[in-house]
Amino acid sequence: MSSNDAVNVIKDFINNTLSTLGGVKGSLALAGLAIIMIVLIVYAVYGFIKFLRFTLRLKPHEFALAILAIGFALIVIAILLP
């Protein structure tokens, strides 16, 4: 999926939302969604930075155990998915 496709999907979503809600009500709803998305993105970046700092401070054997645990978790998730 290219960035143009993603932009088109977002534009379609915004147009459908505005046409459904209409006028000021739709604009306020869209502004609220934008604020929520900004907060989610900021917290995701903050969490990623904290996780990166945590992993860089691990000793090699602790890092290996963490990667092993992630591997087992992914295998369990793959088994549980239909």
C-alpha atoms as a PDB file:
ATOM      1  CA  MET A   1       0.000   0.000   0.000  1.00  0.00           C
ATOM      2  CA  SER A   2       1.499   3.287  -1.056  1.00  0.00           C
ATOM      3  CA  SER A   3       1.172   6.557   0.779  1.00  0.00           C
ATOM      4  CA  ASN A   4      -1.260   7.802  -1.878  1.00  0.00           C
ATOM      5  CA  ASP A   5      -3.570   4.880  -1.163  1.00  0.00           C
ATOM      6  CA  ALA A   6      -3.456   5.639   2.565  1.00  0.00           C
ATOM      7  CA  VAL A   7      -4.214   9.311   1.914  1.00  0.00           C
ATOM      8  CA  ASN A   8      -7.147   8.350  -0.321  1.00  0.00           C
ATOM      9  CA  VAL A   9      -8.563   6.054   2.349  1.00  0.00           C
ATOM     10  CA  ILE A  10      -8.295   8.815   4.950  1.00  0.00           C
ATOM     11  CA  LYS A  11      -9.908  11.343   2.593  1.00  0.00           C
ATOM     12  CA  ASP A  12     -12.767   8.935   1.871  1.00  0.00           C
ATOM     13  CA  PHE A  13     -13.267   8.335   5.596  1.00  0.00           C
ATOM     14  CA  ILE A  14     -13.313  12.073   6.318  1.00  0.00           C
ATOM     15  CA  ASN A  15     -15.718  12.781   3.451  1.00  0.00           C
ATOM     16  CA  ASN A  16     -18.073   9.976   4.525  1.00  0.00           C
ATOM     17  CA  THR A  17     -17.940  11.113   8.142  1.00  0.00           C
ATOM     18  CA  LEU A  18     -18.651  14.742   7.267  1.00  0.00           C
ATOM     19  CA  SER A  19     -21.456  13.860   4.885  1.00  0.00           C
ATOM     20  CA  THR A  20     -23.038  11.569   7.479  1.00  0.00           C
ATOM     21  CA  LEU A  21     -22.778  13.947  10.418  1.00  0.00           C
ATOM     22  CA  GLY A  22     -23.093  17.160   8.444  1.00  0.00           C
ATOM     23  CA  GLY A  23     -21.904  20.716   9.081  1.00  0.00           C
ATOM     24  CA  VAL A  24     -20.567  21.900  12.407  1.00  0.00           C
ATOM     25  CA  LYS A  25     -21.389  18.644  14.158  1.00  0.00           C
ATOM     26  CA  GLY A  26     -19.187  16.715  11.742  1.00  0.00           C
ATOM     27  CA  SER A  27     -16.381  19.228  12.004  1.00  0.00           C
ATOM     28  CA  LEU A  28     -16.385  19.000  15.794  1.00  0.00           C
ATOM     29  CA  ALA A  29     -16.416  15.210  15.645  1.00  0.00           C
ATOM     30  CA  LEU A  30     -13.524  15.247  13.214  1.00  0.00           C
ATOM     31  CA  ALA A  31     -11.573  17.673  15.438  1.00  0.00           C
ATOM     32  CA  GLY A  32     -12.164  15.351  18.401  1.00  0.00           C
ATOM     33  CA  LEU A  33     -10.947  12.347  16.435  1.00  0.00           C
ATOM     34  CA  ALA A  34      -7.864  14.289  15.352  1.00  0.00           C
ATOM     35  CA  ILE A  35      -7.042  15.189  18.959  1.00  0.00           C
ATOM     36  CA  ILE A  36      -7.469  11.575  20.041  1.00  0.00           C
ATOM     37  CA  MET A  37      -5.220  10.367  17.216  1.00  0.00           C
ATOM     38  CA  ILE A  38      -2.532  12.916  18.119  1.00  0.00           C
ATOM     39  CA  VAL A  39      -2.581  11.794  21.753  1.00  0.00           C
ATOM     40  CA  LEU A  40      -2.369   8.126  20.704  1.00  0.00           C
ATOM     41  CA  ILE A  41       0.575   8.818  18.407  1.00  0.00           C
ATOM     42  CA  VAL A  42       2.415  10.805  21.091  1.00  0.00           C
ATOM     43  CA  TYR A  43       1.942   8.043  23.667  1.00  0.00           C
ATOM     44  CA  ALA A  44       3.020   5.379  21.154  1.00  0.00           C
ATOM     45  CA  VAL A  45       6.244   7.284  20.410  1.00  0.00           C
ATOM     46  CA  TYR A  46       6.839   7.873  24.131  1.00  0.00           C
ATOM     47  CA  GLY A  47       6.323   4.176  24.889  1.00  0.00           C
ATOM     48  CA  PHE A  48       8.613   3.136  22.054  1.00  0.00           C
ATOM     49  CA  ILE A  49      11.370   5.421  23.335  1.00  0.00           C
ATOM     50  CA  LYS A  50      10.993   4.083  26.890  1.00  0.00           C
ATOM     51  CA  PHE A  51      11.056   0.500  25.587  1.00  0.00           C
ATOM     52  CA  LEU A  52      14.150   1.239  23.515  1.00  0.00           C
ATOM     53  CA  ARG A  53      15.939   2.732  26.521  1.00  0.00           C
ATOM     54  CA  PHE A  54      14.917  -0.301  28.604  1.00  0.00           C
ATOM     55  CA  THR A  55      16.254  -2.778  26.052  1.00  0.00           C
ATOM     56  CA  LEU A  56      19.529  -0.893  25.647  1.00  0.00           C
ATOM     57  CA  ARG A  57      20.147  -1.127  29.403  1.00  0.00           C
ATOM     58  CA  LEU A  58      19.620  -4.899  29.532  1.00  0.00           C
ATOM     59  CA  LYS A  59      22.527  -7.255  29.963  1.00  0.00           C
ATOM     60  CA  PRO A  60      23.033  -9.649  27.030  1.00  0.00           C
ATOM     61  CA  HIS A  61      21.560 -12.696  28.787  1.00  0.00           C
ATOM     62  CA  GLU A  62      18.529 -10.672  29.948  1.00  0.00           C
ATOM     63  CA  PHE A  63      18.031  -9.427  26.389  1.00  0.00           C
ATOM     64  CA  ALA A  64      18.238 -12.987  25.057  1.00  0.00           C
ATOM     65  CA  LEU A  65      15.625 -14.130  27.584  1.00  0.00           C
ATOM     66  CA  ALA A  66      13.348 -11.243  26.620  1.00  0.00           C
ATOM     67  CA  ILE A  67      13.631 -12.143  22.923  1.00  0.00           C
ATOM     68  CA  LEU A  68      12.969 -15.782  23.792  1.00  0.00           C
ATOM     69  CA  ALA A  69       9.829 -14.803  25.727  1.00  0.00           C
ATOM     70  CA  ILE A  70       8.611 -12.683  22.799  1.00  0.00           C
ATOM     71  CA  GLY A  71       9.221 -15.630  20.452  1.00  0.00           C
ATOM     72  CA  PHE A  72       7.212 -17.993  22.646  1.00  0.00           C
ATOM     73  CA  ALA A  73       4.407 -15.437  22.933  1.00  0.00           C
ATOM     74  CA  LEU A  74       4.238 -15.082  19.146  1.00  0.00           C
ATOM     75  CA  ILE A  75       4.142 -18.863  18.710  1.00  0.00           C
ATOM     76  CA  VAL A  76       1.280 -19.148  21.225  1.00  0.00           C
ATOM     77  CA  ILE A  77      -0.624 -16.355  19.470  1.00  0.00           C
ATOM     78  CA  ALA A  78      -0.091 -18.074  16.100  1.00  0.00           C
ATOM     79  CA  ILE A  79      -1.426 -21.352  17.517  1.00  0.00           C
ATOM     80  CA  LEU A  80      -4.494 -19.691  19.042  1.00  0.00           C
ATOM     81  CA  LEU A  81      -5.467 -17.795  15.879  1.00  0.00           C
ATOM     82  CA  PRO A  82      -7.794 -19.719  13.594  1.00  0.00           C
END
